[in-house]
Amino acid sequence: NASRISVTPKAGDHNYHIHVVEFHNAG
């Protein structure tokens, strides 16, 4: 659905690193 968000830049032209931080020791 990236084209509904942005025409340029295009999502497929990038790599992504998703980092999750949890603060309350909830797992």
mmCIF file of all heavy atoms, coordinates in Angstrom:
data_MODEL
# 
_entry.id   MODEL 
# 
loop_
_atom_site.group_PDB 
_atom_site.id 
_atom_site.type_symbol 
_atom_site.label_atom_id 
_atom_site.label_alt_id 
_atom_site.label_comp_id 
_atom_site.label_asym_id 
_atom_site.label_entity_id 
_atom_site.label_seq_id 
_atom_site.pdbx_PDB_ins_code 
_atom_site.Cartn_x 
_atom_site.Cartn_y 
_atom_site.Cartn_z 
_atom_site.occupancy 
_atom_site.B_iso_or_equiv 
_atom_site.pdbx_formal_charge 
_atom_site.auth_seq_id 
_atom_site.auth_comp_id 
_atom_site.auth_asym_id 
_atom_site.auth_atom_id 
_atom_site.pdbx_PDB_model_num 
ATOM 1   N N   . ASN A 1 1  ? 0.804  -1.226 0.000  1.00 0.00 ? 1  ASN A N   1 
ATOM 2   C CA  . ASN A 1 1  ? 0.000  0.000  0.000  1.00 0.00 ? 1  ASN A CA  1 
ATOM 3   C C   . ASN A 1 1  ? 0.838  1.278  0.000  1.00 0.00 ? 1  ASN A C   1 
ATOM 4   O O   . ASN A 1 1  ? 0.306  2.367  0.191  1.00 0.00 ? 1  ASN A O   1 
ATOM 5   C CB  . ASN A 1 1  ? -0.926 0.015  1.220  1.00 0.00 ? 1  ASN A CB  1 
ATOM 6   C CG  . ASN A 1 1  ? -1.987 -1.058 1.160  1.00 0.00 ? 1  ASN A CG  1 
ATOM 7   O OD1 . ASN A 1 1  ? -3.059 -0.867 0.574  1.00 0.00 ? 1  ASN A OD1 1 
ATOM 8   N ND2 . ASN A 1 1  ? -1.708 -2.206 1.767  1.00 0.00 ? 1  ASN A ND2 1 
ATOM 9   N N   . ALA A 1 2  ? 2.130  1.147  -0.245 1.00 0.00 ? 2  ALA A N   1 
ATOM 10  C CA  . ALA A 1 2  ? 3.021  2.307  -0.161 1.00 0.00 ? 2  ALA A CA  1 
ATOM 11  C C   . ALA A 1 2  ? 2.652  3.399  -1.151 1.00 0.00 ? 2  ALA A C   1 
ATOM 12  O O   . ALA A 1 2  ? 2.843  4.594  -0.877 1.00 0.00 ? 2  ALA A O   1 
ATOM 13  C CB  . ALA A 1 2  ? 4.466  1.868  -0.382 1.00 0.00 ? 2  ALA A CB  1 
ATOM 14  N N   . SER A 1 3  ? 2.109  3.032  -2.306 1.00 0.00 ? 3  SER A N   1 
ATOM 15  C CA  . SER A 1 3  ? 1.739  4.049  -3.304 1.00 0.00 ? 3  SER A CA  1 
ATOM 16  C C   . SER A 1 3  ? 0.598  4.933  -2.817 1.00 0.00 ? 3  SER A C   1 
ATOM 17  O O   . SER A 1 3  ? 0.411  6.037  -3.334 1.00 0.00 ? 3  SER A O   1 
ATOM 18  C CB  . SER A 1 3  ? 1.360  3.371  -4.622 1.00 0.00 ? 3  SER A CB  1 
ATOM 19  O OG  . SER A 1 3  ? 0.231  2.520  -4.448 1.00 0.00 ? 3  SER A OG  1 
ATOM 20  N N   . ARG A 1 4  ? -0.172 4.464  -1.851 1.00 0.00 ? 4  ARG A N   1 
ATOM 21  C CA  . ARG A 1 4  ? -1.245 5.281  -1.267 1.00 0.00 ? 4  ARG A CA  1 
ATOM 22  C C   . ARG A 1 4  ? -0.692 6.266  -0.247 1.00 0.00 ? 4  ARG A C   1 
ATOM 23  O O   . ARG A 1 4  ? -1.390 7.209  0.147  1.00 0.00 ? 4  ARG A O   1 
ATOM 24  C CB  . ARG A 1 4  ? -2.284 4.381  -0.599 1.00 0.00 ? 4  ARG A CB  1 
ATOM 25  C CG  . ARG A 1 4  ? -2.944 3.383  -1.538 1.00 0.00 ? 4  ARG A CG  1 
ATOM 26  C CD  . ARG A 1 4  ? -3.770 2.369  -0.770 1.00 0.00 ? 4  ARG A CD  1 
ATOM 27  N NE  . ARG A 1 4  ? -4.871 2.987  -0.043 1.00 0.00 ? 4  ARG A NE  1 
ATOM 28  C CZ  . ARG A 1 4  ? -5.627 2.339  0.845  1.00 0.00 ? 4  ARG A CZ  1 
ATOM 29  N NH1 . ARG A 1 4  ? -5.365 1.046  1.116  1.00 0.00 ? 4  ARG A NH1 1 
ATOM 30  N NH2 . ARG A 1 4  ? -6.603 2.957  1.464  1.00 0.00 ? 4  ARG A NH2 1 
ATOM 31  N N   . ILE A 1 5  ? 0.539  6.028  0.158  1.00 0.00 ? 5  ILE A N   1 
ATOM 32  C CA  . ILE A 1 5  ? 1.180  6.880  1.157  1.00 0.00 ? 5  ILE A CA  1 
ATOM 33  C C   . ILE A 1 5  ? 2.100  7.907  0.498  1.00 0.00 ? 5  ILE A C   1 
ATOM 34  O O   . ILE A 1 5  ? 2.102  9.085  0.840  1.00 0.00 ? 5  ILE A O   1 
ATOM 35  C CB  . ILE A 1 5  ? 1.987  6.018  2.147  1.00 0.00 ? 5  ILE A CB  1 
ATOM 36  C CG1 . ILE A 1 5  ? 1.093  4.979  2.821  1.00 0.00 ? 5  ILE A CG1 1 
ATOM 37  C CG2 . ILE A 1 5  ? 2.680  6.892  3.185  1.00 0.00 ? 5  ILE A CG2 1 
ATOM 38  C CD1 . ILE A 1 5  ? 1.856  3.863  3.496  1.00 0.00 ? 5  ILE A CD1 1 
ATOM 39  N N   . SER A 1 6  ? 2.879  7.444  -0.470 1.00 0.00 ? 6  SER A N   1 
ATOM 40  C CA  . SER A 1 6  ? 3.858  8.316  -1.121 1.00 0.00 ? 6  SER A CA  1 
ATOM 41  C C   . SER A 1 6  ? 4.168  7.799  -2.524 1.00 0.00 ? 6  SER A C   1 
ATOM 42  O O   . SER A 1 6  ? 4.452  6.613  -2.692 1.00 0.00 ? 6  SER A O   1 
ATOM 43  C CB  . SER A 1 6  ? 5.147  8.378  -0.289 1.00 0.00 ? 6  SER A CB  1 
ATOM 44  O OG  . SER A 1 6  ? 6.159  9.065  -0.973 1.00 0.00 ? 6  SER A OG  1 
ATOM 45  N N   . VAL A 1 7  ? 4.108  8.693  -3.512 1.00 0.00 ? 7  VAL A N   1 
ATOM 46  C CA  . VAL A 1 7  ? 4.488  8.318  -4.872 1.00 0.00 ? 7  VAL A CA  1 
ATOM 47  C C   . VAL A 1 7  ? 5.999  8.316  -4.998 1.00 0.00 ? 7  VAL A C   1 
ATOM 48  O O   . VAL A 1 7  ? 6.603  7.428  -5.590 1.00 0.00 ? 7  VAL A O   1 
ATOM 49  C CB  . VAL A 1 7  ? 3.850  9.283  -5.885 1.00 0.00 ? 7  VAL A CB  1 
ATOM 50  C CG1 . VAL A 1 7  ? 4.306  8.946  -7.306 1.00 0.00 ? 7  VAL A CG1 1 
ATOM 51  C CG2 . VAL A 1 7  ? 2.338  9.243  -5.795 1.00 0.00 ? 7  VAL A CG2 1 
ATOM 52  N N   . THR A 1 8  ? 6.622  9.327  -4.440 1.00 0.00 ? 8  THR A N   1 
ATOM 53  C CA  . THR A 1 8  ? 8.090  9.408  -4.351 1.00 0.00 ? 8  THR A CA  1 
ATOM 54  C C   . THR A 1 8  ? 8.445  9.901  -2.948 1.00 0.00 ? 8  THR A C   1 
ATOM 55  O O   . THR A 1 8  ? 7.836  10.866 -2.471 1.00 0.00 ? 8  THR A O   1 
ATOM 56  C CB  . THR A 1 8  ? 8.667  10.381 -5.399 1.00 0.00 ? 8  THR A CB  1 
ATOM 57  O OG1 . THR A 1 8  ? 8.047  11.666 -5.258 1.00 0.00 ? 8  THR A OG1 1 
ATOM 58  C CG2 . THR A 1 8  ? 8.457  9.863  -6.795 1.00 0.00 ? 8  THR A CG2 1 
ATOM 59  N N   . PRO A 1 9  ? 9.396  9.289  -2.267 1.00 0.00 ? 9  PRO A N   1 
ATOM 60  C CA  . PRO A 1 9  ? 10.174 8.134  -2.717 1.00 0.00 ? 9  PRO A CA  1 
ATOM 61  C C   . PRO A 1 9  ? 9.366  6.841  -2.712 1.00 0.00 ? 9  PRO A C   1 
ATOM 62  O O   . PRO A 1 9  ? 8.321  6.768  -2.066 1.00 0.00 ? 9  PRO A O   1 
ATOM 63  C CB  . PRO A 1 9  ? 11.304 8.070  -1.686 1.00 0.00 ? 9  PRO A CB  1 
ATOM 64  C CG  . PRO A 1 9  ? 10.693 8.654  -0.450 1.00 0.00 ? 9  PRO A CG  1 
ATOM 65  C CD  . PRO A 1 9  ? 9.773  9.745  -0.918 1.00 0.00 ? 9  PRO A CD  1 
ATOM 66  N N   . LYS A 1 10 ? 9.860  5.839  -3.431 1.00 0.00 ? 10 LYS A N   1 
ATOM 67  C CA  . LYS A 1 10 ? 9.179  4.557  -3.519 1.00 0.00 ? 10 LYS A CA  1 
ATOM 68  C C   . LYS A 1 10 ? 9.708  3.606  -2.443 1.00 0.00 ? 10 LYS A C   1 
ATOM 69  O O   . LYS A 1 10 ? 10.904 3.559  -2.171 1.00 0.00 ? 10 LYS A O   1 
ATOM 70  C CB  . LYS A 1 10 ? 9.378  3.948  -4.904 1.00 0.00 ? 10 LYS A CB  1 
ATOM 71  C CG  . LYS A 1 10 ? 8.722  4.757  -6.016 1.00 0.00 ? 10 LYS A CG  1 
ATOM 72  C CD  . LYS A 1 10 ? 8.880  4.084  -7.363 1.00 0.00 ? 10 LYS A CD  1 
ATOM 73  C CE  . LYS A 1 10 ? 8.181  4.886  -8.453 1.00 0.00 ? 10 LYS A CE  1 
ATOM 74  N NZ  . LYS A 1 10 ? 8.339  4.259  -9.794 1.00 0.00 ? 10 LYS A NZ  1 
ATOM 75  N N   . ALA A 1 11 ? 8.794  2.837  -1.862 1.00 0.00 ? 11 ALA A N   1 
ATOM 76  C CA  . ALA A 1 11 ? 9.165  1.935  -0.768 1.00 0.00 ? 11 ALA A CA  1 
ATOM 77  C C   . ALA A 1 11 ? 10.193 0.900  -1.203 1.00 0.00 ? 11 ALA A C   1 
ATOM 78  O O   . ALA A 1 11 ? 11.084 0.522  -0.442 1.00 0.00 ? 11 ALA A O   1 
ATOM 79  C CB  . ALA A 1 11 ? 7.920  1.242  -0.225 1.00 0.00 ? 11 ALA A CB  1 
ATOM 80  N N   . GLY A 1 12 ? 10.103 0.426  -2.453 1.00 0.00 ? 12 GLY A N   1 
ATOM 81  C CA  . GLY A 1 12 ? 10.995 -0.625 -2.917 1.00 0.00 ? 12 GLY A CA  1 
ATOM 82  C C   . GLY A 1 12 ? 12.418 -0.181 -3.190 1.00 0.00 ? 12 GLY A C   1 
ATOM 83  O O   . GLY A 1 12 ? 13.290 -1.010 -3.466 1.00 0.00 ? 12 GLY A O   1 
ATOM 84  N N   . ASP A 1 13 ? 12.677 1.101  -3.096 1.00 0.00 ? 13 ASP A N   1 
ATOM 85  C CA  . ASP A 1 13 ? 14.019 1.631  -3.333 1.00 0.00 ? 13 ASP A CA  1 
ATOM 86  C C   . ASP A 1 13 ? 14.846 1.736  -2.058 1.00 0.00 ? 13 ASP A C   1 
ATOM 87  O O   . ASP A 1 13 ? 15.922 2.341  -2.063 1.00 0.00 ? 13 ASP A O   1 
ATOM 88  C CB  . ASP A 1 13 ? 13.942 3.020  -3.985 1.00 0.00 ? 13 ASP A CB  1 
ATOM 89  C CG  . ASP A 1 13 ? 13.362 2.961  -5.390 1.00 0.00 ? 13 ASP A CG  1 
ATOM 90  O OD1 . ASP A 1 13 ? 13.402 1.872  -5.998 1.00 0.00 ? 13 ASP A OD1 1 
ATOM 91  O OD2 . ASP A 1 13 ? 12.854 3.991  -5.869 1.00 0.00 ? 13 ASP A OD2 1 
ATOM 92  N N   . HIS A 1 14 ? 14.334 1.163  -0.958 1.00 0.00 ? 14 HIS A N   1 
ATOM 93  C CA  . HIS A 1 14 ? 15.025 1.283  0.334  1.00 0.00 ? 14 HIS A CA  1 
ATOM 94  C C   . HIS A 1 14 ? 14.998 -0.042 1.081  1.00 0.00 ? 14 HIS A C   1 
ATOM 95  O O   . HIS A 1 14 ? 14.139 -0.896 0.844  1.00 0.00 ? 14 HIS A O   1 
ATOM 96  C CB  . HIS A 1 14 ? 14.353 2.361  1.198  1.00 0.00 ? 14 HIS A CB  1 
ATOM 97  C CG  . HIS A 1 14 ? 14.359 3.720  0.578  1.00 0.00 ? 14 HIS A CG  1 
ATOM 98  N ND1 . HIS A 1 14 ? 13.395 4.135  -0.323 1.00 0.00 ? 14 HIS A ND1 1 
ATOM 99  C CD2 . HIS A 1 14 ? 15.222 4.759  0.714  1.00 0.00 ? 14 HIS A CD2 1 
ATOM 100 C CE1 . HIS A 1 14 ? 13.662 5.367  -0.708 1.00 0.00 ? 14 HIS A CE1 1 
ATOM 101 N NE2 . HIS A 1 14 ? 14.758 5.766  -0.094 1.00 0.00 ? 14 HIS A NE2 1 
ATOM 102 N N   . ASN A 1 15 ? 15.939 -0.195 1.994  1.00 0.00 ? 15 ASN A N   1 
ATOM 103 C CA  . ASN A 1 15 ? 15.927 -1.276 2.976  1.00 0.00 ? 15 ASN A CA  1 
ATOM 104 C C   . ASN A 1 15 ? 15.501 -0.699 4.317  1.00 0.00 ? 15 ASN A C   1 
ATOM 105 O O   . ASN A 1 15 ? 15.708 0.492  4.584  1.00 0.00 ? 15 ASN A O   1 
ATOM 106 C CB  . ASN A 1 15 ? 17.305 -1.925 3.095  1.00 0.00 ? 15 ASN A CB  1 
ATOM 107 C CG  . ASN A 1 15 ? 17.699 -2.658 1.832  1.00 0.00 ? 15 ASN A CG  1 
ATOM 108 O OD1 . ASN A 1 15 ? 16.844 -3.076 1.046  1.00 0.00 ? 15 ASN A OD1 1 
ATOM 109 N ND2 . ASN A 1 15 ? 19.000 -2.818 1.619  1.00 0.00 ? 15 ASN A ND2 1 
ATOM 110 N N   . TYR A 1 16 ? 14.945 -1.567 5.174  1.00 0.00 ? 16 TYR A N   1 
ATOM 111 C CA  . TYR A 1 16 ? 14.364 -1.091 6.430  1.00 0.00 ? 16 TYR A CA  1 
ATOM 112 C C   . TYR A 1 16 ? 14.874 -1.923 7.608  1.00 0.00 ? 16 TYR A C   1 
ATOM 113 O O   . TYR A 1 16 ? 14.973 -3.146 7.524  1.00 0.00 ? 16 TYR A O   1 
ATOM 114 C CB  . TYR A 1 16 ? 12.833 -1.170 6.379  1.00 0.00 ? 16 TYR A CB  1 
ATOM 115 C CG  . TYR A 1 16 ? 12.251 -0.393 5.226  1.00 0.00 ? 16 TYR A CG  1 
ATOM 116 C CD1 . TYR A 1 16 ? 12.134 -0.989 3.960  1.00 0.00 ? 16 TYR A CD1 1 
ATOM 117 C CD2 . TYR A 1 16 ? 11.833 0.924  5.369  1.00 0.00 ? 16 TYR A CD2 1 
ATOM 118 C CE1 . TYR A 1 16 ? 11.617 -0.283 2.882  1.00 0.00 ? 16 TYR A CE1 1 
ATOM 119 C CE2 . TYR A 1 16 ? 11.317 1.632  4.290  1.00 0.00 ? 16 TYR A CE2 1 
ATOM 120 C CZ  . TYR A 1 16 ? 11.214 1.032  3.062  1.00 0.00 ? 16 TYR A CZ  1 
ATOM 121 O OH  . TYR A 1 16 ? 10.705 1.737  2.000  1.00 0.00 ? 16 TYR A OH  1 
ATOM 122 N N   . HIS A 1 17 ? 15.176 -1.231 8.681  1.00 0.00 ? 17 HIS A N   1 
ATOM 123 C CA  . HIS A 1 17 ? 15.551 -1.880 9.940  1.00 0.00 ? 17 HIS A CA  1 
ATOM 124 C C   . HIS A 1 17 ? 14.508 -1.474 10.968 1.00 0.00 ? 17 HIS A C   1 
ATOM 125 O O   . HIS A 1 17 ? 14.380 -0.289 11.307 1.00 0.00 ? 17 HIS A O   1 
ATOM 126 C CB  . HIS A 1 17 ? 16.945 -1.432 10.375 1.00 0.00 ? 17 HIS A CB  1 
ATOM 127 C CG  . HIS A 1 17 ? 17.356 -1.988 11.701 1.00 0.00 ? 17 HIS A CG  1 
ATOM 128 N ND1 . HIS A 1 17 ? 18.395 -1.476 12.442 1.00 0.00 ? 17 HIS A ND1 1 
ATOM 129 C CD2 . HIS A 1 17 ? 16.860 -3.025 12.445 1.00 0.00 ? 17 HIS A CD2 1 
ATOM 130 C CE1 . HIS A 1 17 ? 18.520 -2.155 13.561 1.00 0.00 ? 17 HIS A CE1 1 
ATOM 131 N NE2 . HIS A 1 17 ? 17.591 -3.101 13.587 1.00 0.00 ? 17 HIS A NE2 1 
ATOM 132 N N   . ILE A 1 18 ? 13.743 -2.455 11.456 1.00 0.00 ? 18 ILE A N   1 
ATOM 133 C CA  . ILE A 1 18 ? 12.693 -2.207 12.445 1.00 0.00 ? 18 ILE A CA  1 
ATOM 134 C C   . ILE A 1 18 ? 13.199 -2.670 13.809 1.00 0.00 ? 18 ILE A C   1 
ATOM 135 O O   . ILE A 1 18 ? 13.442 -3.856 14.021 1.00 0.00 ? 18 ILE A O   1 
ATOM 136 C CB  . ILE A 1 18 ? 11.390 -2.937 12.087 1.00 0.00 ? 18 ILE A CB  1 
ATOM 137 C CG1 . ILE A 1 18 ? 10.905 -2.500 10.699 1.00 0.00 ? 18 ILE A CG1 1 
ATOM 138 C CG2 . ILE A 1 18 ? 10.319 -2.657 13.141 1.00 0.00 ? 18 ILE A CG2 1 
ATOM 139 C CD1 . ILE A 1 18 ? 9.687  -3.280 10.215 1.00 0.00 ? 18 ILE A CD1 1 
ATOM 140 N N   . HIS A 1 19 ? 13.362 -1.724 14.719 1.00 0.00 ? 19 HIS A N   1 
ATOM 141 C CA  . HIS A 1 19 ? 13.843 -2.011 16.074 1.00 0.00 ? 19 HIS A CA  1 
ATOM 142 C C   . HIS A 1 19 ? 12.718 -1.733 17.058 1.00 0.00 ? 19 HIS A C   1 
ATOM 143 O O   . HIS A 1 19 ? 12.082 -0.681 17.004 1.00 0.00 ? 19 HIS A O   1 
ATOM 144 C CB  . HIS A 1 19 ? 15.051 -1.135 16.392 1.00 0.00 ? 19 HIS A CB  1 
ATOM 145 C CG  . HIS A 1 19 ? 15.641 -1.389 17.747 1.00 0.00 ? 19 HIS A CG  1 
ATOM 146 N ND1 . HIS A 1 19 ? 16.395 -2.517 18.036 1.00 0.00 ? 19 HIS A ND1 1 
ATOM 147 C CD2 . HIS A 1 19 ? 15.584 -0.672 18.904 1.00 0.00 ? 19 HIS A CD2 1 
ATOM 148 C CE1 . HIS A 1 19 ? 16.775 -2.481 19.296 1.00 0.00 ? 19 HIS A CE1 1 
ATOM 149 N NE2 . HIS A 1 19 ? 16.302 -1.370 19.845 1.00 0.00 ? 19 HIS A NE2 1 
ATOM 150 N N   . VAL A 1 20 ? 12.448 -2.683 17.949 1.00 0.00 ? 20 VAL A N   1 
ATOM 151 C CA  . VAL A 1 20 ? 11.373 -2.545 18.936 1.00 0.00 ? 20 VAL A CA  1 
ATOM 152 C C   . VAL A 1 20 ? 11.976 -2.427 20.332 1.00 0.00 ? 20 VAL A C   1 
ATOM 153 O O   . VAL A 1 20 ? 12.753 -3.282 20.756 1.00 0.00 ? 20 VAL A O   1 
ATOM 154 C CB  . VAL A 1 20 ? 10.402 -3.742 18.887 1.00 0.00 ? 20 VAL A CB  1 
ATOM 155 C CG1 . VAL A 1 20 ? 9.291  -3.570 19.928 1.00 0.00 ? 20 VAL A CG1 1 
ATOM 156 C CG2 . VAL A 1 20 ? 9.801  -3.895 17.492 1.00 0.00 ? 20 VAL A CG2 1 
ATOM 157 N N   . VAL A 1 21 ? 11.609 -1.358 21.025 1.00 0.00 ? 21 VAL A N   1 
ATOM 158 C CA  . VAL A 1 21 ? 12.037 -1.137 22.408 1.00 0.00 ? 21 VAL A CA  1 
ATOM 159 C C   . VAL A 1 21 ? 10.846 -1.361 23.322 1.00 0.00 ? 21 VAL A C   1 
ATOM 160 O O   . VAL A 1 21 ? 9.767  -0.805 23.088 1.00 0.00 ? 21 VAL A O   1 
ATOM 161 C CB  . VAL A 1 21 ? 12.572 0.302  22.606 1.00 0.00 ? 21 VAL A CB  1 
ATOM 162 C CG1 . VAL A 1 21 ? 13.067 0.502  24.039 1.00 0.00 ? 21 VAL A CG1 1 
ATOM 163 C CG2 . VAL A 1 21 ? 13.676 0.612  21.608 1.00 0.00 ? 21 VAL A CG2 1 
ATOM 164 N N   . GLU A 1 22 ? 10.995 -2.214 24.333 1.00 0.00 ? 22 GLU A N   1 
ATOM 165 C CA  . GLU A 1 22 ? 9.907  -2.403 25.309 1.00 0.00 ? 22 GLU A CA  1 
ATOM 166 C C   . GLU A 1 22 ? 10.378 -1.907 26.660 1.00 0.00 ? 22 GLU A C   1 
ATOM 167 O O   . GLU A 1 22 ? 11.497 -2.172 27.081 1.00 0.00 ? 22 GLU A O   1 
ATOM 168 C CB  . GLU A 1 22 ? 9.430  -3.859 25.339 1.00 0.00 ? 22 GLU A CB  1 
ATOM 169 C CG  . GLU A 1 22 ? 10.475 -4.900 25.685 1.00 0.00 ? 22 GLU A CG  1 
ATOM 170 C CD  . GLU A 1 22 ? 10.325 -5.396 27.113 1.00 0.00 ? 22 GLU A CD  1 
ATOM 171 O OE1 . GLU A 1 22 ? 9.410  -4.927 27.812 1.00 0.00 ? 22 GLU A OE1 1 
ATOM 172 O OE2 . GLU A 1 22 ? 11.146 -6.228 27.515 1.00 0.00 ? 22 GLU A OE2 1 
ATOM 173 N N   . PHE A 1 23 ? 9.503  -1.144 27.328 1.00 0.00 ? 23 PHE A N   1 
ATOM 174 C CA  . PHE A 1 23 ? 9.901  -0.379 28.497 1.00 0.00 ? 23 PHE A CA  1 
ATOM 175 C C   . PHE A 1 23 ? 9.481  -0.976 29.836 1.00 0.00 ? 23 PHE A C   1 
ATOM 176 O O   . PHE A 1 23 ? 10.048 -0.631 30.861 1.00 0.00 ? 23 PHE A O   1 
ATOM 177 C CB  . PHE A 1 23 ? 9.324  1.042  28.409 1.00 0.00 ? 23 PHE A CB  1 
ATOM 178 C CG  . PHE A 1 23 ? 9.944  1.878  27.328 1.00 0.00 ? 23 PHE A CG  1 
ATOM 179 C CD1 . PHE A 1 23 ? 9.357  1.967  26.078 1.00 0.00 ? 23 PHE A CD1 1 
ATOM 180 C CD2 . PHE A 1 23 ? 11.121 2.571  27.558 1.00 0.00 ? 23 PHE A CD2 1 
ATOM 181 C CE1 . PHE A 1 23 ? 9.917  2.737  25.077 1.00 0.00 ? 23 PHE A CE1 1 
ATOM 182 C CE2 . PHE A 1 23 ? 11.696 3.347  26.568 1.00 0.00 ? 23 PHE A CE2 1 
ATOM 183 C CZ  . PHE A 1 23 ? 11.095 3.431  25.326 1.00 0.00 ? 23 PHE A CZ  1 
ATOM 184 N N   . HIS A 1 24 ? 8.462  -1.813 29.856 1.00 0.00 ? 24 HIS A N   1 
ATOM 185 C CA  . HIS A 1 24 ? 7.898  -2.257 31.135 1.00 0.00 ? 24 HIS A CA  1 
ATOM 186 C C   . HIS A 1 24 ? 8.114  -3.738 31.411 1.00 0.00 ? 24 HIS A C   1 
ATOM 187 O O   . HIS A 1 24 ? 7.388  -4.332 32.211 1.00 0.00 ? 24 HIS A O   1 
ATOM 188 C CB  . HIS A 1 24 ? 6.395  -1.930 31.175 1.00 0.00 ? 24 HIS A CB  1 
ATOM 189 C CG  . HIS A 1 24 ? 6.114  -0.458 31.213 1.00 0.00 ? 24 HIS A CG  1 
ATOM 190 N ND1 . HIS A 1 24 ? 5.233  0.164  30.346 1.00 0.00 ? 24 HIS A ND1 1 
ATOM 191 C CD2 . HIS A 1 24 ? 6.617  0.519  32.001 1.00 0.00 ? 24 HIS A CD2 1 
ATOM 192 C CE1 . HIS A 1 24 ? 5.194  1.453  30.609 1.00 0.00 ? 24 HIS A CE1 1 
ATOM 193 N NE2 . HIS A 1 24 ? 6.031  1.696  31.608 1.00 0.00 ? 24 HIS A NE2 1 
ATOM 194 N N   . ASN A 1 25 ? 9.100  -4.347 30.746 1.00 0.00 ? 25 ASN A N   1 
ATOM 195 C CA  . ASN A 1 25 ? 9.372  -5.783 30.942 1.00 0.00 ? 25 ASN A CA  1 
ATOM 196 C C   . ASN A 1 25 ? 8.134  -6.629 30.707 1.00 0.00 ? 25 ASN A C   1 
ATOM 197 O O   . ASN A 1 25 ? 7.924  -7.643 31.381 1.00 0.00 ? 25 ASN A O   1 
ATOM 198 C CB  . ASN A 1 25 ? 9.921  -6.038 32.349 1.00 0.00 ? 25 ASN A CB  1 
ATOM 199 C CG  . ASN A 1 25 ? 11.278 -5.387 32.563 1.00 0.00 ? 25 ASN A CG  1 
ATOM 200 O OD1 . ASN A 1 25 ? 12.118 -5.383 31.671 1.00 0.00 ? 25 ASN A OD1 1 
ATOM 201 N ND2 . ASN A 1 25 ? 11.481 -4.812 33.743 1.00 0.00 ? 25 ASN A ND2 1 
ATOM 202 N N   . ALA A 1 26 ? 7.305  -6.202 29.762 1.00 0.00 ? 26 ALA A N   1 
ATOM 203 C CA  . ALA A 1 26 ? 6.088  -6.940 29.435 1.00 0.00 ? 26 ALA A CA  1 
ATOM 204 C C   . ALA A 1 26 ? 6.355  -8.054 28.430 1.00 0.00 ? 26 ALA A C   1 
ATOM 205 O O   . ALA A 1 26 ? 5.457  -8.834 28.129 1.00 0.00 ? 26 ALA A O   1 
ATOM 206 C CB  . ALA A 1 26 ? 5.023  -5.992 28.885 1.00 0.00 ? 26 ALA A CB  1 
ATOM 207 N N   . GLY A 1 27 ? 7.564  -8.139 27.918 1.00 0.00 ? 27 GLY A N   1 
ATOM 208 C CA  . GLY A 1 27 ? 7.898  -9.172 26.951 1.00 0.00 ? 27 GLY A CA  1 
ATOM 209 C C   . GLY A 1 27 ? 7.559  -8.750 25.533 1.00 0.00 ? 27 GLY A C   1 
ATOM 210 O O   . GLY A 1 27 ? 7.068  -7.650 25.289 1.00 0.00 ? 27 GLY A O   1 
# 
